Amino acid sequence: MSSQDEQFPAAAPEPAASSADDGMTWWYRWLCRIAGVIGGMSCAFAGLWNCVTINPLNIAAGVWMMLNAFVLFLCEAPFCCQFIEFANAVSARADKLRAWQKAAFYCGMAVFPVMLSLTLTTLFGNAIAFATGVLYGLSALGKKGDAISYARIHQQQKQMDEEKLTGSLEGQA
């Protein structure tokens, strides 16, 4: 093993294995990422607009929305945060999370400012960030089964029900 191999160990297959095991297709993964970036932009603009007020709850909700935008950009598009040293590390750690964990995190982040200040700005600003969480949540549910396997399961259940029915009728006679 050379000194360069010791200094820079080979990339572990863990992130690739976890991303392959999550059952998301490449286009759905890109859809989630694009929704995250657009959600971050909507949170940033709506949060800035929300801060232009004298109501302290609106200001708090606006600051939280801008924080949401930063987290969305950091997790979904680290190239937008090249000036931050730890952006790639945070993005790699976010990629290791399961889809339901991302869904809960993104939806929770989007709901909090709405609970602070229920206005149209907070609702529309967080809608796409919440939709990103919903997309990740739908991917956590998994793929839909095919009609053949459902028909086979239904046929097996029907046979078991018929056997139970005939067994109970024979027992009565």
N, C-alpha and C. Protein backbone atom coordinates (compact mmCIF):
# COMPACT_ATOMS: atom_id res chain seq x y z
N MET A 1 0.85 -1.17 0.00
CA MET A 1 0.00 0.00 0.00
C MET A 1 0.89 1.23 0.00
N SER A 2 0.64 2.14 -0.89
CA SER A 2 1.47 3.33 -0.98
C SER A 2 1.06 4.34 0.08
N SER A 3 1.92 5.35 0.25
CA SER A 3 1.62 6.37 1.26
C SER A 3 0.39 7.18 0.87
N GLN A 4 0.17 7.32 -0.44
CA GLN A 4 -1.01 8.05 -0.89
C GLN A 4 -2.28 7.27 -0.55
N ASP A 5 -2.25 5.94 -0.66
CA ASP A 5 -3.40 5.12 -0.30
C ASP A 5 -3.69 5.22 1.19
N GLU A 6 -2.64 5.33 2.01
CA GLU A 6 -2.85 5.45 3.44
C GLU A 6 -3.40 6.83 3.80
N GLN A 7 -2.94 7.83 3.07
CA GLN A 7 -3.39 9.19 3.37
C GLN A 7 -4.82 9.41 2.92
N PHE A 8 -5.19 8.89 1.76
CA PHE A 8 -6.54 9.04 1.24
C PHE A 8 -7.13 7.65 1.05
N PRO A 9 -7.79 7.12 2.07
CA PRO A 9 -8.35 5.77 1.93
C PRO A 9 -9.43 5.76 0.85
N ALA A 10 -9.59 4.60 0.28
CA ALA A 10 -10.58 4.45 -0.79
C ALA A 10 -11.96 4.78 -0.25
N ALA A 11 -12.76 5.35 -1.11
CA ALA A 11 -14.11 5.72 -0.69
C ALA A 11 -14.89 4.47 -0.35
N ALA A 12 -15.49 4.50 0.82
CA ALA A 12 -16.26 3.34 1.27
C ALA A 12 -17.54 3.25 0.45
N PRO A 13 -18.00 2.05 0.16
CA PRO A 13 -19.20 1.90 -0.65
C PRO A 13 -20.49 2.17 0.12
N GLU A 14 -20.38 2.65 1.36
CA GLU A 14 -21.58 2.83 2.18
C GLU A 14 -22.58 3.81 1.59
N PRO A 15 -22.17 5.03 1.15
CA PRO A 15 -23.18 5.93 0.60
C PRO A 15 -23.83 5.38 -0.67
N ALA A 16 -23.02 4.74 -1.52
CA ALA A 16 -23.60 4.19 -2.74
C ALA A 16 -24.54 3.04 -2.40
N ALA A 17 -24.16 2.23 -1.40
CA ALA A 17 -25.01 1.11 -1.03
C ALA A 17 -26.31 1.62 -0.41
N SER A 18 -26.22 2.66 0.43
CA SER A 18 -27.44 3.15 1.06
C SER A 18 -28.34 3.83 0.04
N SER A 19 -27.74 4.53 -0.95
CA SER A 19 -28.57 5.17 -1.95
C SER A 19 -29.16 4.13 -2.91
N ALA A 20 -28.48 3.00 -3.11
CA ALA A 20 -29.04 1.96 -3.97
C ALA A 20 -30.11 1.17 -3.23
N ASP A 21 -29.99 1.06 -1.92
CA ASP A 21 -30.94 0.29 -1.15
C ASP A 21 -32.24 1.04 -0.86
N ASP A 22 -32.26 2.35 -1.04
CA ASP A 22 -33.45 3.10 -0.68
C ASP A 22 -34.58 2.93 -1.68
N GLY A 23 -34.32 2.33 -2.83
CA GLY A 23 -35.36 2.03 -3.79
C GLY A 23 -35.81 3.20 -4.63
N MET A 24 -35.09 4.30 -4.61
CA MET A 24 -35.45 5.47 -5.40
C MET A 24 -34.78 5.38 -6.76
N THR A 25 -35.53 5.68 -7.80
CA THR A 25 -34.95 5.72 -9.13
C THR A 25 -34.17 7.02 -9.30
N TRP A 26 -33.36 7.08 -10.33
CA TRP A 26 -32.52 8.26 -10.52
C TRP A 26 -33.36 9.50 -10.77
N TRP A 27 -34.45 9.34 -11.53
CA TRP A 27 -35.25 10.53 -11.84
C TRP A 27 -36.02 10.99 -10.61
N TYR A 28 -36.44 10.10 -9.73
CA TYR A 28 -37.15 10.50 -8.52
C TYR A 28 -36.19 11.18 -7.54
N ARG A 29 -34.96 10.68 -7.49
CA ARG A 29 -33.96 11.31 -6.64
C ARG A 29 -33.68 12.74 -7.10
N TRP A 30 -33.59 12.94 -8.42
CA TRP A 30 -33.39 14.28 -8.97
C TRP A 30 -34.61 15.16 -8.73
N LEU A 31 -35.80 14.58 -8.82
CA LEU A 31 -37.02 15.33 -8.54
C LEU A 31 -37.02 15.83 -7.11
N CYS A 32 -36.62 14.97 -6.18
CA CYS A 32 -36.55 15.37 -4.77
C CYS A 32 -35.51 16.47 -4.57
N ARG A 33 -34.37 16.34 -5.22
CA ARG A 33 -33.33 17.36 -5.08
C ARG A 33 -33.77 18.70 -5.67
N ILE A 34 -34.38 18.67 -6.83
CA ILE A 34 -34.85 19.90 -7.46
C ILE A 34 -35.94 20.54 -6.61
N ALA A 35 -36.84 19.72 -6.08
CA ALA A 35 -37.88 20.25 -5.19
C ALA A 35 -37.25 20.87 -3.94
N GLY A 36 -36.18 20.27 -3.44
CA GLY A 36 -35.49 20.83 -2.28
C GLY A 36 -34.85 22.18 -2.59
N VAL A 37 -34.26 22.31 -3.77
CA VAL A 37 -33.63 23.58 -4.14
C VAL A 37 -34.70 24.65 -4.35
N ILE A 38 -35.77 24.31 -5.04
CA ILE A 38 -36.85 25.28 -5.26
C ILE A 38 -37.52 25.63 -3.93
N GLY A 39 -37.67 24.63 -3.06
CA GLY A 39 -38.21 24.89 -1.73
C GLY A 39 -37.32 25.81 -0.92
N GLY A 40 -36.02 25.64 -1.07
CA GLY A 40 -35.08 26.53 -0.38
C GLY A 40 -35.18 27.95 -0.89
N MET A 41 -35.33 28.10 -2.20
CA MET A 41 -35.48 29.45 -2.75
C MET A 41 -36.78 30.10 -2.28
N SER A 42 -37.87 29.33 -2.27
CA SER A 42 -39.14 29.92 -1.84
C SER A 42 -39.09 30.27 -0.35
N CYS A 43 -38.44 29.43 0.45
CA CYS A 43 -38.30 29.75 1.88
C CYS A 43 -37.46 31.00 2.08
N ALA A 44 -36.39 31.14 1.30
CA ALA A 44 -35.51 32.29 1.46
C ALA A 44 -36.24 33.58 1.10
N PHE A 45 -36.92 33.60 -0.04
CA PHE A 45 -37.60 34.82 -0.47
C PHE A 45 -38.77 35.16 0.45
N ALA A 46 -39.56 34.15 0.79
CA ALA A 46 -40.70 34.40 1.67
C ALA A 46 -40.23 34.77 3.09
N GLY A 47 -39.14 34.17 3.54
CA GLY A 47 -38.60 34.52 4.86
C GLY A 47 -38.09 35.94 4.91
N LEU A 48 -37.43 36.37 3.83
CA LEU A 48 -36.96 37.76 3.77
C LEU A 48 -38.15 38.71 3.74
N TRP A 49 -39.16 38.37 2.96
CA TRP A 49 -40.36 39.20 2.88
C TRP A 49 -41.08 39.23 4.23
N ASN A 50 -41.07 38.12 4.93
CA ASN A 50 -41.75 38.02 6.23
C ASN A 50 -41.04 38.85 7.30
N CYS A 51 -39.74 39.07 7.12
CA CYS A 51 -38.99 39.84 8.11
C CYS A 51 -39.21 41.35 7.98
N VAL A 52 -39.84 41.79 6.91
CA VAL A 52 -40.08 43.22 6.71
C VAL A 52 -41.41 43.56 7.39
N THR A 53 -41.39 43.59 8.70
CA THR A 53 -42.58 43.88 9.49
C THR A 53 -42.15 44.31 10.88
N ILE A 54 -43.12 44.69 11.69
CA ILE A 54 -42.79 45.03 13.07
C ILE A 54 -43.31 43.98 14.05
N ASN A 55 -44.05 43.00 13.52
CA ASN A 55 -44.57 41.92 14.38
C ASN A 55 -43.44 40.94 14.71
N PRO A 56 -43.13 40.73 15.99
CA PRO A 56 -41.99 39.87 16.33
C PRO A 56 -42.19 38.41 15.92
N LEU A 57 -43.41 37.91 15.94
CA LEU A 57 -43.62 36.52 15.52
C LEU A 57 -43.38 36.35 14.02
N ASN A 58 -43.75 37.35 13.23
CA ASN A 58 -43.46 37.29 11.80
C ASN A 58 -41.96 37.32 11.55
N ILE A 59 -41.25 38.13 12.31
CA ILE A 59 -39.79 38.19 12.16
C ILE A 59 -39.17 36.86 12.54
N ALA A 60 -39.63 36.26 13.63
CA ALA A 60 -39.11 34.96 14.05
C ALA A 60 -39.40 33.89 13.01
N ALA A 61 -40.61 33.90 12.46
CA ALA A 61 -40.96 32.93 11.42
C ALA A 61 -40.11 33.16 10.17
N GLY A 62 -39.86 34.42 9.82
CA GLY A 62 -39.03 34.73 8.65
C GLY A 62 -37.59 34.27 8.83
N VAL A 63 -37.05 34.48 10.01
CA VAL A 63 -35.68 34.02 10.29
C VAL A 63 -35.62 32.50 10.23
N TRP A 64 -36.63 31.84 10.78
CA TRP A 64 -36.67 30.38 10.74
C TRP A 64 -36.77 29.89 9.30
N MET A 65 -37.54 30.59 8.47
CA MET A 65 -37.67 30.20 7.06
C MET A 65 -36.35 30.36 6.32
N MET A 66 -35.61 31.40 6.63
CA MET A 66 -34.30 31.56 5.99
C MET A 66 -33.32 30.49 6.48
N LEU A 67 -33.45 30.08 7.73
CA LEU A 67 -32.65 28.97 8.24
C LEU A 67 -33.04 27.67 7.52
N ASN A 68 -34.34 27.48 7.29
CA ASN A 68 -34.80 26.31 6.52
C ASN A 68 -34.19 26.31 5.12
N ALA A 69 -34.17 27.48 4.50
CA ALA A 69 -33.59 27.59 3.16
C ALA A 69 -32.12 27.20 3.18
N PHE A 70 -31.40 27.66 4.18
CA PHE A 70 -29.98 27.33 4.29
C PHE A 70 -29.78 25.83 4.46
N VAL A 71 -30.59 25.19 5.31
CA VAL A 71 -30.47 23.75 5.54
C VAL A 71 -30.84 22.97 4.28
N LEU A 72 -31.88 23.41 3.57
CA LEU A 72 -32.25 22.74 2.33
C LEU A 72 -31.14 22.84 1.29
N PHE A 73 -30.56 24.03 1.16
CA PHE A 73 -29.45 24.18 0.22
C PHE A 73 -28.25 23.34 0.65
N LEU A 74 -27.99 23.29 1.92
CA LEU A 74 -26.84 22.55 2.43
C LEU A 74 -27.00 21.05 2.20
N CYS A 75 -28.21 20.53 2.41
CA CYS A 75 -28.45 19.09 2.26
C CYS A 75 -28.67 18.66 0.82
N GLU A 76 -29.42 19.44 0.07
CA GLU A 76 -29.81 19.02 -1.27
C GLU A 76 -28.88 19.53 -2.37
N ALA A 77 -28.28 20.69 -2.18
CA ALA A 77 -27.42 21.25 -3.22
C ALA A 77 -26.20 21.90 -2.58
N PRO A 78 -25.22 21.10 -2.17
CA PRO A 78 -24.05 21.67 -1.49
C PRO A 78 -23.21 22.55 -2.40
N PHE A 79 -23.37 22.44 -3.72
CA PHE A 79 -22.62 23.31 -4.62
C PHE A 79 -23.06 24.76 -4.50
N CYS A 80 -24.25 24.99 -3.95
CA CYS A 80 -24.71 26.37 -3.71
C CYS A 80 -24.00 26.99 -2.51
N CYS A 81 -23.39 26.17 -1.69
CA CYS A 81 -22.73 26.64 -0.46
C CYS A 81 -21.24 26.33 -0.51
N GLN A 82 -20.58 26.64 -1.61
CA GLN A 82 -19.16 26.32 -1.76
C GLN A 82 -18.28 27.11 -0.80
N PHE A 83 -18.78 28.23 -0.33
CA PHE A 83 -17.98 29.05 0.57
C PHE A 83 -17.96 28.49 2.00
N ILE A 84 -18.74 27.47 2.27
CA ILE A 84 -18.79 26.86 3.59
C ILE A 84 -17.97 25.57 3.54
N GLU A 85 -17.02 25.45 4.44
CA GLU A 85 -16.10 24.32 4.41
C GLU A 85 -16.78 22.98 4.67
N PHE A 86 -17.75 22.96 5.54
CA PHE A 86 -18.35 21.69 5.94
C PHE A 86 -19.57 21.32 5.10
N ALA A 87 -19.82 22.00 4.00
CA ALA A 87 -21.02 21.75 3.20
C ALA A 87 -21.04 20.34 2.62
N ASN A 88 -19.93 19.88 2.09
CA ASN A 88 -19.89 18.55 1.50
C ASN A 88 -20.04 17.46 2.56
N ALA A 89 -19.50 17.69 3.75
CA ALA A 89 -19.64 16.71 4.82
C ALA A 89 -21.10 16.61 5.28
N VAL A 90 -21.76 17.74 5.39
CA VAL A 90 -23.17 17.74 5.79
C VAL A 90 -24.02 17.07 4.72
N SER A 91 -23.73 17.37 3.45
CA SER A 91 -24.48 16.75 2.36
C SER A 91 -24.27 15.24 2.32
N ALA A 92 -23.05 14.80 2.56
CA ALA A 92 -22.78 13.35 2.59
C ALA A 92 -23.52 12.68 3.74
N ARG A 93 -23.57 13.34 4.87
CA ARG A 93 -24.30 12.78 6.01
C ARG A 93 -25.80 12.78 5.75
N ALA A 94 -26.31 13.81 5.08
CA ALA A 94 -27.73 13.86 4.74
C ALA A 94 -28.09 12.80 3.72
N ASP A 95 -27.16 12.47 2.83
CA ASP A 95 -27.42 11.42 1.85
C ASP A 95 -27.49 10.04 2.50
N LYS A 96 -26.86 9.88 3.64
CA LYS A 96 -26.90 8.60 4.35
C LYS A 96 -28.20 8.39 5.12
N LEU A 97 -28.95 9.48 5.34
CA LEU A 97 -30.21 9.35 6.06
C LEU A 97 -31.22 8.58 5.22
N ARG A 98 -32.11 7.89 5.89
CA ARG A 98 -33.18 7.20 5.19
C ARG A 98 -34.21 8.21 4.73
N ALA A 99 -35.02 7.77 3.77
CA ALA A 99 -36.00 8.69 3.18
C ALA A 99 -37.03 9.16 4.21
N TRP A 100 -37.45 8.29 5.11
CA TRP A 100 -38.46 8.71 6.09
C TRP A 100 -37.87 9.69 7.09
N GLN A 101 -36.56 9.61 7.35
CA GLN A 101 -35.93 10.56 8.26
C GLN A 101 -35.85 11.94 7.62
N LYS A 102 -35.50 11.96 6.32
CA LYS A 102 -35.50 13.24 5.61
C LYS A 102 -36.90 13.82 5.54
N ALA A 103 -37.87 12.97 5.31
CA ALA A 103 -39.26 13.42 5.21
C ALA A 103 -39.71 14.06 6.52
N ALA A 104 -39.43 13.40 7.62
CA ALA A 104 -39.84 13.95 8.92
C ALA A 104 -39.10 15.25 9.22
N PHE A 105 -37.82 15.31 8.88
CA PHE A 105 -37.03 16.51 9.14
C PHE A 105 -37.51 17.69 8.31
N TYR A 106 -37.70 17.48 7.00
CA TYR A 106 -38.12 18.57 6.13
C TYR A 106 -39.54 19.04 6.45
N CYS A 107 -40.44 18.11 6.69
CA CYS A 107 -41.82 18.50 7.02
C CYS A 107 -41.87 19.22 8.37
N GLY A 108 -41.11 18.75 9.33
CA GLY A 108 -41.07 19.42 10.63
C GLY A 108 -40.48 20.81 10.53
N MET A 109 -39.44 20.95 9.72
CA MET A 109 -38.85 22.28 9.52
C MET A 109 -39.85 23.23 8.88
N ALA A 110 -40.66 22.73 7.97
CA ALA A 110 -41.59 23.58 7.24
C ALA A 110 -42.83 23.92 8.07
N VAL A 111 -43.19 23.09 9.00
CA VAL A 111 -44.40 23.33 9.79
C VAL A 111 -44.15 24.35 10.90
N PHE A 112 -42.95 24.39 11.42
CA PHE A 112 -42.67 25.24 12.58
C PHE A 112 -42.93 26.73 12.31
N PRO A 113 -42.46 27.32 11.20
CA PRO A 113 -42.76 28.74 10.98
C PRO A 113 -44.25 29.02 10.79
N VAL A 114 -44.97 28.06 10.23
CA VAL A 114 -46.41 28.23 10.04
C VAL A 114 -47.10 28.26 11.40
N MET A 115 -46.61 27.46 12.34
CA MET A 115 -47.18 27.49 13.69
C MET A 115 -46.83 28.79 14.41
N LEU A 116 -45.67 29.34 14.13
CA LEU A 116 -45.29 30.62 14.74
C LEU A 116 -46.17 31.76 14.26
N SER A 117 -46.34 31.84 12.96
CA SER A 117 -47.09 32.95 12.37
C SER A 117 -47.86 32.43 11.17
N LEU A 118 -49.15 32.26 11.31
CA LEU A 118 -49.99 31.72 10.25
C LEU A 118 -50.40 32.85 9.31
N THR A 119 -49.61 33.04 8.28
CA THR A 119 -49.91 34.04 7.25
C THR A 119 -49.76 33.38 5.89
N LEU A 120 -50.23 34.05 4.86
CA LEU A 120 -50.09 33.51 3.51
C LEU A 120 -48.62 33.40 3.10
N THR A 121 -47.81 34.33 3.56
CA THR A 121 -46.39 34.30 3.22
C THR A 121 -45.73 33.05 3.79
N THR A 122 -46.02 32.72 5.03
CA THR A 122 -45.40 31.52 5.62
C THR A 122 -45.99 30.26 5.01
N LEU A 123 -47.27 30.27 4.70
CA LEU A 123 -47.87 29.08 4.08
C LEU A 123 -47.28 28.81 2.70
N PHE A 124 -47.28 29.83 1.85
CA PHE A 124 -46.78 29.62 0.49
C PHE A 124 -45.26 29.48 0.46
N GLY A 125 -44.58 30.12 1.37
CA GLY A 125 -43.12 30.01 1.40
C GLY A 125 -42.65 28.63 1.82
N ASN A 126 -43.39 27.98 2.70
CA ASN A 126 -43.00 26.66 3.19
C ASN A 126 -43.67 25.52 2.44
N ALA A 127 -44.56 25.83 1.51
CA ALA A 127 -45.30 24.77 0.82
C ALA A 127 -44.38 23.84 0.03
N ILE A 128 -43.42 24.40 -0.68
CA ILE A 128 -42.55 23.56 -1.51
C ILE A 128 -41.56 22.80 -0.64
N ALA A 129 -41.11 23.41 0.45
CA ALA A 129 -40.23 22.68 1.38
C ALA A 129 -40.99 21.52 2.01
N PHE A 130 -42.25 21.74 2.34
CA PHE A 130 -43.08 20.65 2.87
C PHE A 130 -43.31 19.59 1.81
N ALA A 131 -43.50 20.02 0.56
CA ALA A 131 -43.69 19.07 -0.54
C ALA A 131 -42.44 18.22 -0.75
N THR A 132 -41.28 18.79 -0.52
CA THR A 132 -40.04 18.01 -0.60
C THR A 132 -40.06 16.89 0.44
N GLY A 133 -40.48 17.22 1.65
CA GLY A 133 -40.61 16.19 2.67
C GLY A 133 -41.63 15.13 2.31
N VAL A 134 -42.72 15.55 1.68
CA VAL A 134 -43.74 14.60 1.25
C VAL A 134 -43.18 13.68 0.16
N LEU A 135 -42.41 14.23 -0.77
CA LEU A 135 -41.79 13.39 -1.80
C LEU A 135 -40.87 12.34 -1.19
N TYR A 136 -40.07 12.75 -0.22
CA TYR A 136 -39.21 11.78 0.46
C TYR A 136 -40.04 10.77 1.24
N GLY A 137 -41.13 11.21 1.82
CA GLY A 137 -42.01 10.28 2.54
C GLY A 137 -42.65 9.26 1.62
N LEU A 138 -43.04 9.69 0.43
CA LEU A 138 -43.61 8.76 -0.54
C LEU A 138 -42.58 7.74 -1.00
N SER A 139 -41.33 8.17 -1.12
CA SER A 139 -40.30 7.20 -1.51
C SER A 139 -40.02 6.21 -0.39
N ALA A 140 -40.27 6.63 0.85
CA ALA A 140 -40.07 5.70 1.97
C ALA A 140 -41.12 4.60 1.98
N LEU A 141 -42.27 4.87 1.39
CA LEU A 141 -43.31 3.84 1.33
C LEU A 141 -42.93 2.70 0.41
N GLY A 142 -42.12 2.98 -0.58
CA GLY A 142 -41.65 1.94 -1.48
C GLY A 142 -42.43 1.91 -2.77
N LYS A 143 -42.01 1.00 -3.63
CA LYS A 143 -42.64 0.88 -4.93
C LYS A 143 -43.99 0.18 -4.79
N LYS A 144 -44.84 0.52 -5.73
CA LYS A 144 -46.14 -0.13 -5.79
C LYS A 144 -45.95 -1.51 -6.40
N GLY A 145 -46.66 -2.50 -5.88
CA GLY A 145 -46.55 -3.85 -6.41
C GLY A 145 -47.25 -3.99 -7.74
N ASP A 146 -46.93 -5.06 -8.44
CA ASP A 146 -47.57 -5.27 -9.73
C ASP A 146 -48.90 -6.01 -9.57
N ALA A 147 -49.72 -5.96 -10.56
CA ALA A 147 -51.07 -6.52 -10.50
C ALA A 147 -51.04 -8.04 -10.37
N ILE A 148 -50.05 -8.68 -10.94
CA ILE A 148 -49.97 -10.14 -10.92
C ILE A 148 -49.76 -10.64 -9.50
N SER A 149 -48.85 -10.02 -8.77
CA SER A 149 -48.60 -10.46 -7.39
C SER A 149 -49.81 -10.19 -6.50
N TYR A 150 -50.49 -9.06 -6.72
CA TYR A 150 -51.70 -8.79 -5.94
C TYR A 150 -52.80 -9.80 -6.25
N ALA A 151 -52.94 -10.16 -7.53
CA ALA A 151 -53.94 -11.16 -7.90
C ALA A 151 -53.61 -12.52 -7.28
N ARG A 152 -52.33 -12.87 -7.25
CA ARG A 152 -51.92 -14.14 -6.65
C ARG A 152 -52.22 -14.16 -5.15
N ILE A 153 -51.94 -13.05 -4.47
CA ILE A 153 -52.23 -12.97 -3.03
C ILE A 153 -53.73 -13.05 -2.79
N HIS A 154 -54.50 -12.37 -3.61
CA HIS A 154 -55.95 -12.39 -3.48
C HIS A 154 -56.49 -13.80 -3.71
N GLN A 155 -55.96 -14.52 -4.68
CA GLN A 155 -56.38 -15.88 -4.97
C GLN A 155 -56.05 -16.81 -3.79
N GLN A 156 -54.87 -16.64 -3.19
CA GLN A 156 -54.51 -17.46 -2.04
C GLN A 156 -55.43 -17.20 -0.86
N GLN A 157 -55.77 -15.93 -0.63
CA GLN A 157 -56.69 -15.61 0.45
C GLN A 157 -58.06 -16.21 0.20
N LYS A 158 -58.50 -16.16 -1.03
CA LYS A 158 -59.80 -16.71 -1.39
C LYS A 158 -59.83 -18.22 -1.15
N GLN A 159 -58.75 -18.91 -1.52
CA GLN A 159 -58.66 -20.35 -1.29
C GLN A 159 -58.66 -20.67 0.19
N MET A 160 -57.93 -19.88 0.99
CA MET A 160 -57.90 -20.13 2.43
C MET A 160 -59.27 -19.89 3.05
N ASP A 161 -59.99 -18.87 2.59
CA ASP A 161 -61.32 -18.61 3.10
C ASP A 161 -62.28 -19.74 2.75
N GLU A 162 -62.17 -20.26 1.52
CA GLU A 162 -63.02 -21.37 1.11
C GLU A 162 -62.73 -22.62 1.91
N GLU A 163 -61.44 -22.87 2.20
CA GLU A 163 -61.07 -24.04 2.99
C GLU A 163 -61.59 -23.92 4.41
N LYS A 164 -61.55 -22.73 4.98
CA LYS A 164 -62.08 -22.52 6.32
C LYS A 164 -63.59 -22.72 6.34
N LEU A 165 -64.26 -22.23 5.31
CA LEU A 165 -65.70 -22.34 5.23
C LEU A 165 -66.12 -23.79 5.08
N THR A 166 -65.45 -24.54 4.18
CA THR A 166 -65.80 -25.94 4.00
C THR A 166 -65.44 -26.76 5.22
N GLY A 167 -64.35 -26.39 5.91
CA GLY A 167 -63.98 -27.12 7.12
C GLY A 167 -65.00 -26.89 8.23
N SER A 168 -65.55 -25.71 8.36
CA SER A 168 -66.53 -25.45 9.41
C SER A 168 -67.87 -26.09 9.06
N LEU A 169 -68.21 -26.18 7.76
CA LEU A 169 -69.45 -26.84 7.38
C LEU A 169 -69.36 -28.33 7.58
N GLU A 170 -68.21 -28.95 7.31
CA GLU A 170 -68.03 -30.39 7.50
C GLU A 170 -68.06 -30.73 8.98
N GLY A 171 -67.56 -29.82 9.80
CA GLY A 171 -67.56 -30.05 11.24
C GLY A 171 -68.97 -30.01 11.82
N GLN A 172 -69.90 -29.30 11.21
CA GLN A 172 -71.27 -29.20 11.69
C GLN A 172 -72.08 -30.41 11.29
N ALA A 173 -71.74 -31.05 10.19
CA ALA A 173 -72.55 -32.15 9.70
C ALA A 173 -72.32 -33.43 10.43
